Protein backbone atom coordinates (compact mmCIF):
# COMPACT_ATOMS: atom_id res chain seq x y z
CA MET A 1 11.81 3.60 109.37
CA LEU A 2 11.85 6.94 107.54
CA LEU A 3 13.42 6.90 104.09
CA SER A 4 15.87 9.63 105.11
CA ASN A 5 17.28 7.37 107.84
CA LEU A 6 17.53 4.40 105.50
CA ILE A 7 19.78 6.18 103.01
CA LYS A 8 22.30 7.48 105.50
CA ASN A 9 25.94 6.69 104.60
CA ILE A 10 24.96 5.78 101.05
CA ASN A 11 26.45 7.33 97.93
CA VAL A 12 23.31 9.14 96.69
CA LYS A 13 23.53 10.96 93.35
CA ASP A 14 20.05 12.48 93.38
CA VAL A 15 16.76 12.44 95.28
CA LEU A 16 13.49 13.04 93.43
CA ASN A 17 9.89 13.49 94.65
CA ASN A 18 10.96 12.90 98.25
CA ASN A 19 8.19 13.20 100.84
CA ASN A 20 10.19 11.03 103.27
CA PRO A 21 7.74 8.13 103.60
CA ASN A 22 7.91 5.54 106.36
CA ILE A 23 9.36 2.31 104.97
CA LEU A 24 7.90 -0.99 106.19
CA GLY A 25 10.11 -3.39 104.23
CA ILE A 26 12.77 -3.71 101.53
CA LYS A 27 12.35 -5.73 98.35
CA PHE A 28 14.31 -6.24 95.12
CA ASN A 29 11.78 -8.54 93.44
CA SER A 30 8.71 -6.64 92.25
CA LYS A 31 6.48 -9.67 92.78
CA ASP A 32 7.32 -9.70 96.50
CA VAL A 33 6.52 -6.02 97.08
CA LYS A 34 3.82 -5.14 99.60
CA LYS A 35 2.25 -1.85 100.60
CA GLY A 36 4.78 0.42 102.30
CA ASP A 37 7.89 -1.25 100.86
CA LEU A 38 11.00 0.28 99.33
CA PHE A 39 11.83 -1.30 95.95
CA VAL A 40 15.49 -1.50 94.92
CA CYS A 41 16.12 -1.86 91.18
CA LEU A 42 19.06 -4.21 90.64
CA LYS A 43 21.04 -4.53 87.45
CA GLY A 44 21.59 -8.09 86.29
CA THR A 45 20.55 -10.31 83.43
CA LYS A 46 17.32 -8.33 83.64
CA ASN A 47 17.23 -4.69 84.70
CA GLY A 48 15.27 -4.06 87.89
CA SER A 49 14.06 -0.74 86.52
CA ASP A 50 11.96 -2.70 84.01
CA TYR A 51 9.83 -3.87 86.94
CA VAL A 52 9.52 -0.59 88.81
CA PHE A 53 5.95 0.07 87.71
CA GLU A 54 4.86 -3.40 88.81
CA ALA A 55 6.51 -2.73 92.16
CA ILE A 56 4.69 0.58 92.56
CA LYS A 57 1.42 -1.07 91.57
CA ASN A 58 2.02 -3.67 94.28
CA GLY A 59 2.49 -0.97 96.93
CA ALA A 60 6.07 0.36 96.78
CA VAL A 61 6.16 3.86 98.32
CA ALA A 62 9.72 4.64 97.16
CA CYS A 63 12.34 3.26 94.77
CA VAL A 64 16.12 3.09 94.45
CA SER A 65 17.74 3.01 91.02
CA GLU A 66 21.00 3.72 89.21
CA GLU A 67 19.11 5.84 86.68
CA LYS A 68 16.42 8.49 86.75
CA LEU A 69 12.96 7.02 86.18
CA ASP A 70 9.67 8.67 85.34
CA VAL A 71 7.84 7.76 88.56
CA LEU A 72 5.70 9.73 91.00
CA VAL A 73 6.98 8.07 94.18
CA PRO A 74 10.24 9.18 95.84
CA LEU A 75 13.23 7.99 93.80
CA ILE A 76 16.76 7.65 95.19
CA VAL A 77 19.37 7.63 92.41
CA VAL A 78 22.56 5.86 93.47
CA GLU A 79 25.95 4.95 92.03
CA ASN A 80 25.58 1.21 92.67
CA SER A 81 22.18 -0.24 93.53
CA ARG A 82 23.59 -3.52 94.91
CA VAL A 83 25.85 -1.71 97.35
CA ALA A 84 22.91 0.53 98.23
CA LEU A 85 20.69 -2.51 98.89
CA SER A 86 23.21 -3.95 101.36
CA LEU A 87 23.68 -0.66 103.20
CA ILE A 88 19.94 0.08 103.29
CA CYS A 89 19.26 -3.37 104.76
CA LYS A 90 21.99 -2.78 107.33
CA ASN A 91 20.37 0.52 108.34
CA PHE A 92 16.87 -0.98 108.37
CA TYR A 93 17.96 -3.70 110.80
CA ASP A 94 19.70 -1.33 113.23
CA SER A 95 23.24 -2.08 111.99
CA ALA A 96 23.16 -5.24 114.10
CA CYS A 97 26.24 -6.64 112.32
CA ASP A 98 28.36 -3.90 113.93
CA ASN A 99 27.65 -5.46 117.34
CA LEU A 100 28.70 -8.99 116.30
CA LYS A 101 32.14 -10.51 115.87
CA ILE A 102 31.85 -11.93 112.36
CA ILE A 103 34.27 -14.55 111.08
CA MET A 104 34.04 -14.94 107.30
CA VAL A 105 35.36 -18.07 105.59
CA THR A 106 36.03 -17.86 101.88
CA GLY A 107 37.69 -20.05 99.25
CA THR A 108 36.67 -22.78 96.82
CA ASN A 109 36.83 -25.84 99.07
CA GLY A 110 36.68 -26.24 102.83
CA LYS A 111 34.42 -23.30 103.73
CA THR A 112 31.73 -25.43 105.35
CA SER A 113 34.18 -27.72 107.16
CA ILE A 114 36.21 -24.82 108.57
CA SER A 115 33.00 -23.08 109.65
CA TYR A 116 31.70 -26.17 111.48
CA ILE A 117 35.07 -26.81 113.13
CA LEU A 118 35.24 -23.25 114.46
CA TYR A 119 31.54 -23.20 115.42
CA ASN A 120 31.95 -26.41 117.41
CA ILE A 121 35.04 -25.10 119.21
CA LEU A 122 33.24 -21.86 120.12
CA GLN A 123 30.28 -23.83 121.47
CA GLN A 124 32.70 -25.87 123.60
CA ASN A 125 34.06 -22.54 124.84
CA LYS A 126 30.51 -21.54 125.93
CA THR A 127 30.63 -18.66 123.45
CA LYS A 128 27.17 -17.68 122.21
CA CYS A 129 27.66 -18.18 118.50
CA ALA A 130 25.80 -18.78 115.24
CA LEU A 131 26.68 -20.42 111.94
CA ILE A 132 25.71 -19.18 108.47
CA GLY A 133 26.53 -21.25 105.41
CA THR A 134 25.71 -23.91 102.84
CA ASN A 135 23.61 -25.95 105.27
CA GLY A 136 21.66 -22.93 106.56
CA ILE A 137 21.71 -20.62 109.58
CA PHE A 138 22.12 -22.34 112.94
CA TYR A 139 21.94 -21.13 116.52
CA ASP A 140 21.87 -23.39 119.56
CA ASN A 141 21.87 -26.36 117.12
CA LYS A 142 18.54 -25.20 115.63
CA GLN A 143 18.19 -24.33 111.95
CA LEU A 144 16.71 -20.85 111.49
CA TYR A 145 17.06 -20.56 107.69
CA TYR A 146 17.89 -22.65 104.65
CA GLY A 147 18.72 -21.09 101.30
CA LEU A 148 21.74 -19.44 99.73
CA THR A 149 25.20 -20.13 101.18
CA THR A 150 25.48 -16.39 101.81
CA PRO A 151 21.91 -15.06 102.16
CA ASP A 152 20.71 -11.98 100.28
CA PRO A 153 21.10 -8.72 102.28
CA THR A 154 17.35 -8.60 103.05
CA ASP A 155 17.62 -11.97 104.83
CA LEU A 156 21.19 -11.64 106.11
CA HIS A 157 20.68 -8.41 108.06
CA TYR A 158 17.29 -9.58 109.37
CA TYR A 159 19.00 -12.61 110.90
CA PHE A 160 21.91 -10.54 112.20
CA LEU A 161 19.34 -8.57 114.21
CA GLN A 162 17.58 -11.71 115.46
CA LEU A 163 20.91 -13.23 116.49
CA LYS A 164 21.90 -10.04 118.29
CA LYS A 165 18.60 -10.14 120.22
CA LEU A 166 19.37 -13.73 121.21
CA GLY A 167 22.64 -12.57 122.74
CA VAL A 168 24.92 -14.02 120.06
CA GLN A 169 28.50 -12.74 120.28
CA VAL A 170 30.23 -14.45 117.34
CA VAL A 171 28.89 -15.35 113.89
CA VAL A 172 30.85 -17.78 111.70
CA MET A 173 29.76 -17.41 108.09
CA GLU A 174 30.70 -18.63 104.64
CA ALA A 175 31.37 -15.83 102.16
CA SER A 176 30.71 -17.10 98.63
CA ALA A 177 32.35 -15.61 95.57
CA HIS A 178 28.96 -14.69 94.13
CA ALA A 179 28.01 -12.83 97.31
CA ILE A 180 31.26 -10.87 97.22
CA LYS A 181 30.94 -10.06 93.51
CA LEU A 182 27.32 -8.90 93.97
CA ASN A 183 28.24 -6.68 96.94
CA LYS A 184 25.97 -8.60 99.33
CA LEU A 185 28.54 -8.09 102.10
CA ALA A 186 29.01 -4.35 101.61
CA GLY A 187 29.07 -2.49 104.92
CA ILE A 188 29.97 -5.54 107.03
CA LYS A 189 33.32 -5.40 108.85
CA ALA A 190 34.57 -8.86 109.80
CA GLU A 191 36.77 -9.63 112.77
CA GLN A 192 38.55 -12.23 110.63
CA ILE A 193 38.49 -13.50 107.06
CA ILE A 194 39.80 -17.04 106.58
CA PHE A 195 41.03 -17.95 103.09
CA SER A 196 41.12 -21.71 102.40
CA ASN A 197 42.16 -22.18 98.76
CA LEU A 198 41.19 -21.38 95.20
CA THR A 199 40.62 -23.91 92.42
CA ASN A 200 38.63 -24.25 89.19
CA GLU A 201 35.01 -23.39 90.04
CA HIS A 202 32.20 -21.04 88.99
CA LEU A 203 33.84 -20.26 85.64
CA ASP A 204 30.37 -20.29 84.09
CA TYR A 205 29.89 -17.01 86.00
CA PHE A 206 33.36 -15.49 86.37
CA LYS A 207 34.65 -16.62 82.93
CA THR A 208 38.33 -16.64 84.00
CA MET A 209 40.29 -17.83 87.03
CA GLU A 210 41.83 -14.37 87.25
CA GLU A 211 38.42 -12.73 87.67
CA TYR A 212 37.35 -15.39 90.16
CA ALA A 213 40.58 -15.02 92.15
CA ASN A 214 40.57 -11.23 92.16
CA THR A 215 36.99 -11.20 93.43
CA LYS A 216 38.06 -13.06 96.57
CA LEU A 217 41.53 -11.60 97.01
CA ASN A 218 40.47 -7.97 96.58
CA PHE A 219 37.78 -8.50 99.23
CA ILE A 220 40.43 -9.16 101.88
CA ASN A 221 41.37 -5.63 102.91
CA SER A 222 41.20 -3.28 105.89
CA LEU A 223 37.74 -2.07 104.87
CA ASN A 224 36.30 -5.57 105.25
CA THR A 225 38.30 -7.21 108.05
CA ASN A 226 40.66 -6.70 110.99
CA LEU A 227 42.65 -9.90 110.39
CA ALA A 228 43.26 -12.37 107.57
CA ILE A 229 44.11 -16.05 108.10
CA THR A 230 45.41 -17.73 104.95
CA ASN A 231 46.59 -21.06 103.59
CA VAL A 232 50.12 -20.40 102.31
CA ASP A 233 50.33 -23.79 100.58
CA ASP A 234 47.80 -22.45 98.07
CA ASP A 235 49.15 -20.31 95.21
CA TYR A 236 46.40 -17.74 95.72
CA GLY A 237 46.57 -17.98 99.50
CA ILE A 238 50.16 -16.73 99.37
CA LYS A 239 48.91 -13.55 97.71
CA VAL A 240 46.82 -12.77 100.79
CA LEU A 241 50.11 -12.05 102.57
CA LYS A 242 50.25 -8.82 100.56
CA SER A 243 46.92 -7.57 101.97
CA ASN A 244 46.85 -4.30 103.88
CA VAL A 245 45.68 -6.07 107.05
CA PRO A 246 47.54 -8.23 109.62
CA VAL A 247 47.87 -11.78 108.23
CA ILE A 248 48.39 -15.10 110.02
CA SER A 249 49.36 -18.08 107.88
CA TYR A 250 48.77 -21.81 108.11
CA GLY A 251 50.13 -24.68 106.04
CA LEU A 252 52.10 -27.91 105.88
CA LYS A 253 54.65 -27.32 103.11
CA ASN A 254 55.66 -23.66 103.28
CA PRO A 255 56.81 -21.79 106.44
CA ALA A 256 53.67 -20.79 108.38
CA ASP A 257 52.54 -19.40 111.73
CA SER A 258 50.42 -22.54 112.25
CA PHE A 259 51.47 -25.98 111.01
CA ALA A 260 51.14 -29.68 111.80
CA VAL A 261 53.58 -32.55 112.33
CA ASP A 262 53.35 -36.26 113.15
CA ILE A 263 50.13 -36.68 111.14
CA ASN A 264 48.39 -40.04 111.53
CA ASN A 265 45.55 -40.39 109.03
CA SER A 266 43.17 -43.38 108.95
CA ILE A 267 39.66 -44.07 107.75
CA MET A 268 38.51 -43.53 111.36
CA GLY A 269 40.10 -40.12 111.84
CA LEU A 270 43.13 -37.88 112.33
CA ASN A 271 45.75 -37.46 115.04
CA PHE A 272 48.53 -34.89 114.80
CA CYS A 273 50.48 -32.27 116.67
CA ALA A 274 49.60 -28.68 115.74
CA ASN A 275 51.89 -25.75 116.39
CA VAL A 276 49.61 -22.71 116.45
CA MET A 277 51.67 -19.57 116.75
CA ASP A 278 54.11 -21.48 119.02
CA GLU A 279 51.30 -23.00 121.11
CA ILE A 280 51.35 -26.83 120.96
CA ILE A 281 47.96 -28.50 120.52
CA GLU A 282 47.55 -32.29 120.35
CA VAL A 283 44.72 -32.88 117.89
CA SER A 284 42.42 -35.89 117.83
CA SER A 285 39.52 -35.77 115.36
CA SER A 286 37.10 -38.12 113.62
CA LEU A 287 37.56 -36.08 110.42
CA VAL A 288 39.52 -37.88 107.71
CA GLY A 289 42.08 -36.79 105.13
CA LEU A 290 45.04 -34.47 104.68
CA TYR A 291 42.72 -31.75 103.39
CA ASN A 292 40.99 -31.80 106.79
CA VAL A 293 44.35 -31.16 108.46
CA TYR A 294 44.27 -27.83 106.59
CA ASN A 295 40.66 -27.22 107.61
CA ILE A 296 41.42 -27.99 111.25
CA LEU A 297 44.51 -25.73 111.21
CA ALA A 298 42.38 -22.89 109.86
CA GLY A 299 39.68 -23.43 112.50
CA ILE A 300 41.98 -23.74 115.51
CA THR A 301 44.12 -20.78 114.41
CA SER A 302 40.98 -18.64 114.21
CA ALA A 303 39.79 -19.89 117.60
CA TYR A 304 43.18 -19.25 119.19
CA CYS A 305 43.17 -15.67 117.86
CA LEU A 306 39.71 -15.24 119.41
CA GLY A 307 41.13 -16.19 122.80
CA VAL A 308 39.78 -19.73 123.10
CA SER A 309 41.82 -21.92 125.47
CA VAL A 310 43.84 -24.87 124.21
CA GLU A 311 41.72 -27.21 126.35
CA ASN A 312 38.50 -26.02 124.73
CA ILE A 313 40.03 -26.18 121.25
CA LYS A 314 41.02 -29.82 121.82
CA ALA A 315 37.64 -30.73 123.32
CA GLY A 316 35.72 -28.96 120.57
CA LEU A 317 37.60 -30.93 117.91
CA LYS A 318 37.15 -34.24 119.70
CA ASN A 319 33.41 -33.69 120.15
CA LEU A 320 32.86 -32.97 116.45
CA LYS A 321 31.86 -36.39 115.17
CA GLN A 322 30.89 -35.35 111.64
CA ILE A 323 30.09 -32.39 109.43
CA PRO A 324 26.76 -32.80 107.59
CA GLY A 325 27.45 -33.94 104.04
CA ARG A 326 31.23 -34.01 104.49
CA PHE A 327 32.83 -37.46 104.50
CA ASN A 328 29.81 -38.97 106.23
CA LYS A 329 30.72 -42.66 106.45
CA PHE A 330 28.63 -45.80 106.90
CA ILE A 331 30.48 -49.05 107.62
CA LEU A 332 28.50 -52.15 106.69
CA ASP A 333 29.11 -55.86 107.12
CA LEU A 334 32.00 -57.48 105.24
CA ASN A 335 33.87 -54.17 105.66
CA LYS A 336 31.82 -52.40 103.00
CA LEU A 337 32.11 -48.62 103.26
CA ILE A 338 29.74 -45.90 102.04
CA ILE A 339 30.91 -42.27 101.97
CA VAL A 340 28.64 -39.29 101.24
CA ASP A 341 30.48 -36.06 100.48
CA PHE A 342 29.84 -32.64 98.95
CA ALA A 343 32.96 -32.78 96.73
CA HIS A 344 31.92 -31.18 93.43
CA THR A 345 35.09 -29.68 91.95
CA PRO A 346 38.20 -31.27 90.39
CA ASP A 347 40.22 -30.34 93.47
CA GLY A 348 37.55 -31.70 95.81
CA PHE A 349 37.41 -34.94 93.81
CA PHE A 350 41.18 -35.36 93.94
CA ASN A 351 41.32 -34.73 97.68
CA ILE A 352 38.70 -37.25 98.72
CA LEU A 353 39.34 -39.93 96.09
CA SER A 354 43.11 -39.98 96.58
CA GLU A 355 42.62 -40.22 100.36
CA VAL A 356 40.17 -43.10 100.06
CA LYS A 357 42.41 -44.90 97.56
CA SER A 358 45.37 -44.69 99.94
CA LEU A 359 43.41 -45.70 103.03
CA ARG A 360 41.29 -48.55 101.66
CA LYS A 361 43.31 -51.66 100.98
CA GLY A 362 41.62 -54.36 98.89
CA GLY A 363 38.18 -54.18 97.37
CA LYS A 364 36.91 -51.96 94.58
CA ILE A 365 36.02 -48.26 94.62
CA ILE A 366 32.70 -47.30 93.03
CA THR A 367 32.13 -43.58 92.54
CA LEU A 368 28.68 -42.11 91.89
CA PHE A 369 28.41 -38.46 90.82
CA GLY A 370 27.15 -35.98 88.26
CA CYS A 371 27.96 -32.44 87.13
CA VAL A 372 25.64 -29.45 87.34
CA GLY A 373 23.98 -28.37 84.13
CA TYR A 374 25.71 -25.00 84.01
CA SER A 375 29.24 -26.32 84.67
CA ASP A 376 31.83 -25.81 81.95
CA SER A 377 32.88 -28.72 79.78
CA GLN A 378 36.52 -28.68 80.92
CA LYS A 379 35.51 -29.04 84.56
CA ARG A 380 33.39 -32.08 83.71
CA ILE A 381 36.28 -33.66 81.78
CA GLU A 382 38.69 -33.09 84.69
CA MET A 383 36.27 -34.55 87.23
CA GLY A 384 35.76 -37.63 85.05
CA GLU A 385 39.52 -38.11 84.65
CA ILE A 386 40.11 -37.87 88.40
CA ALA A 387 37.23 -40.22 89.23
CA SER A 388 38.55 -42.69 86.66
CA LYS A 389 42.09 -42.53 88.06
CA PHE A 390 41.05 -43.54 91.58
CA SER A 391 37.93 -45.67 90.92
CA ASP A 392 37.18 -49.08 89.48
CA TYR A 393 33.65 -48.27 88.32
CA LEU A 394 31.65 -45.07 87.78
CA ILE A 395 27.93 -44.34 87.94
CA ILE A 396 27.06 -41.04 86.23
CA THR A 397 23.81 -39.48 87.42
CA THR A 398 22.09 -36.12 87.88
CA ASP A 399 23.38 -33.34 90.11
CA ASN A 400 21.38 -30.12 89.65
CA ILE A 401 21.40 -30.89 85.94
CA ASN A 402 18.52 -28.44 85.36
CA PHE A 403 17.75 -28.23 81.61
CA GLU A 404 20.94 -29.91 80.40
CA ASN A 405 20.73 -33.36 78.83
CA LEU A 406 22.38 -36.15 80.86
CA ASP A 407 23.85 -37.58 77.65
CA VAL A 408 25.71 -34.31 77.04
CA VAL A 409 26.99 -34.17 80.62
CA CYS A 410 27.99 -37.84 80.50
CA ASP A 411 29.83 -37.39 77.18
CA ASP A 412 31.94 -34.63 78.76
CA ILE A 413 32.59 -36.57 81.98
CA THR A 414 33.61 -39.76 80.18
CA LYS A 415 35.73 -38.18 77.44
CA ASN A 416 38.97 -39.43 79.02
CA VAL A 417 37.59 -42.11 81.33
CA SER A 418 39.41 -45.45 81.28
CA VAL A 419 37.20 -47.55 83.62
CA PRO A 420 33.74 -49.07 83.08
CA TYR A 421 30.78 -46.78 83.74
CA GLU A 422 27.03 -46.51 83.38
CA LYS A 423 24.57 -43.62 83.52
CA VAL A 424 21.38 -43.58 85.55
CA PHE A 425 19.22 -40.46 85.32
CA ASN A 426 17.30 -40.95 88.59
CA ARG A 427 19.80 -40.30 91.40
CA GLU A 428 17.88 -42.29 94.00
CA LYS A 429 17.76 -45.32 91.70
CA ALA A 430 21.46 -44.82 90.95
CA ILE A 431 22.30 -45.01 94.66
CA SER A 432 20.14 -48.11 95.10
CA LYS A 433 21.84 -49.77 92.12
CA ALA A 434 25.28 -48.91 93.52
CA PHE A 435 24.39 -50.67 96.79
CA LEU A 436 23.65 -53.86 94.87
CA LEU A 437 27.12 -53.76 93.32
CA LEU A 438 28.94 -53.69 96.67
CA LYS A 439 30.99 -56.72 97.64
CA GLU A 440 33.38 -57.45 100.51
CA ASN A 441 35.86 -54.59 101.22
CA ASP A 442 34.32 -52.39 98.51
CA THR A 443 33.86 -48.63 98.91
CA LEU A 444 31.05 -46.53 97.46
CA LEU A 445 31.58 -42.78 97.20
CA ILE A 446 28.46 -40.68 96.58
CA LEU A 447 29.74 -37.25 95.64
CA GLY A 448 28.44 -33.81 94.78
CA LYS A 449 25.43 -33.07 96.95
CA GLY A 450 26.45 -33.80 100.53
CA ALA A 451 23.68 -32.56 102.82
CA GLU A 452 21.64 -30.87 100.07
CA THR A 453 17.91 -31.67 100.16
CA SER A 454 16.92 -31.16 96.53
CA ASN A 455 18.01 -31.87 92.96
CA LEU A 456 17.38 -29.17 90.33
CA ILE A 457 15.87 -30.81 87.25
CA ASN A 458 14.16 -28.93 84.40
CA GLY A 459 13.75 -25.80 86.51
CA VAL A 460 12.17 -27.66 89.45
CA LYS A 461 13.81 -28.41 92.81
CA VAL A 462 12.94 -32.07 93.25
CA PRO A 463 13.21 -33.25 96.89
CA HIS A 464 16.27 -35.46 97.26
CA SER A 465 18.79 -36.33 99.97
CA ASP A 466 21.80 -38.58 99.40
CA LEU A 467 22.00 -39.23 103.14
CA LYS A 468 18.36 -40.29 103.38
CA CYS A 469 18.73 -42.49 100.31
CA VAL A 470 21.70 -44.23 101.93
CA GLU A 471 19.79 -44.76 105.17
CA LYS A 472 16.85 -46.15 103.20
CA CYS A 473 19.10 -48.57 101.32
CA ILE A 474 20.79 -49.71 104.52
CA GLU A 475 17.41 -50.41 106.08
CA GLU A 476 16.16 -52.16 102.95
CA PHE A 477 19.23 -54.25 102.10
CA TYR A 478 20.74 -54.77 105.56
CA ASN A 479 17.68 -54.56 107.82
CA VAL A 480 19.38 -51.91 109.95
CA LYS A 481 17.38 -48.83 110.96
CA LYS A 482 18.81 -45.34 111.37
CA GLY A 483 18.42 -45.45 115.15
CA ASP A 484 20.64 -48.54 115.28
CA SER A 485 23.67 -46.73 113.84
CA VAL A 486 26.40 -45.24 116.02
CA ASP A 487 28.52 -42.29 114.91
CA ASN A 488 27.31 -42.82 111.34
CA SER A 489 28.81 -46.32 111.36
CA VAL A 490 26.71 -49.45 110.99
CA ILE A 491 28.46 -52.60 112.15
């Protein structure tokens, strides 16, 4: 595509040396540049302009920058290079996102669950849809991509185009706070934005809750969506009501457009009556916990606004047996229970641990978890306190610890812990050891990684899966193979 076509609708301050070359690709990492590419200099911890000469050496035929550079190739000077990158990628891939109904899900907790709930309902409705999020990009139950929760614009718009070619009508995607802050979603108009909640997370990056909150809340406006769906039981979710777009609310405590009554919650699932904008929907789901009532309300409200029938909403929920890495349960002999979950924030810990404590009568609760190396000390302390409150024994292990020392992480986690604990650096060995501790009616919660397939240690992504480790332990200690399990339960 000609450079002149790529920079349409972009706030360009100046154009230098322009001979309007044909652009074959777009890159923002100089090492990835190939002949015929456009190189976009991004400002971050390192300035992209420092690598412009390497990019040109590798074959870049034009560059984009926020400052004038002494280069011989065409140079597009822009106000914001990250916004420019997103818009250029959109133009390069034929603005495919404009032909898709995009449902964005944002918030601290629940994004993946809400996305899977809605995706499953849409599939039941025979809607051609795709899913973009923490577990990858999926279409027709096939994984097309695995990487960032919200892919970089170079990948995101490429897949938008591929999905459009496949006939996809609706895309359900998680919108992370980092992606919003870095303008990765610039130029994309969503049909809906769903706001789940906001709790202590990512303060290593955003520094304050106010900055973190404003990043998400300011994103919900008429430029970025046609409709907002918000949780009004969340202090920040209430603020969405002031957005300059139509807003539909859901909740259990405060008056809401969608709410639930007669909630029956057990370790095997949920049953309740949902009132969705005065439409009554009897819900039966294998998902567990009050927090999943919120997630289900968000998903079915979105589906209802998209025109999905009540029958297909009910069937879609009933057919969703599990969400990868979210409360995946394994029931063993002597009523031993293993739960693998992605919970990795204080709020996430409280939700799942309090639910399990209330639902499991008798037996001990063993909780295995770690904290990422870049997490703030206060978050680690809070997670340790919550785990201690609802557990009888803790196993502290690695969770994307990177270059941090496990002793330092463990000292933070256990600062206010009042139950016995031990630390085991190797996560796989920690899981195996936890299995050996299980006795009749005991529960083991393995938290933090969910369906993730690696563990970041000393700058290296070491292959690791909590789910596979559990399956291996079940086979080793109980002589039950994966194929013998039904609905993630082993009897």
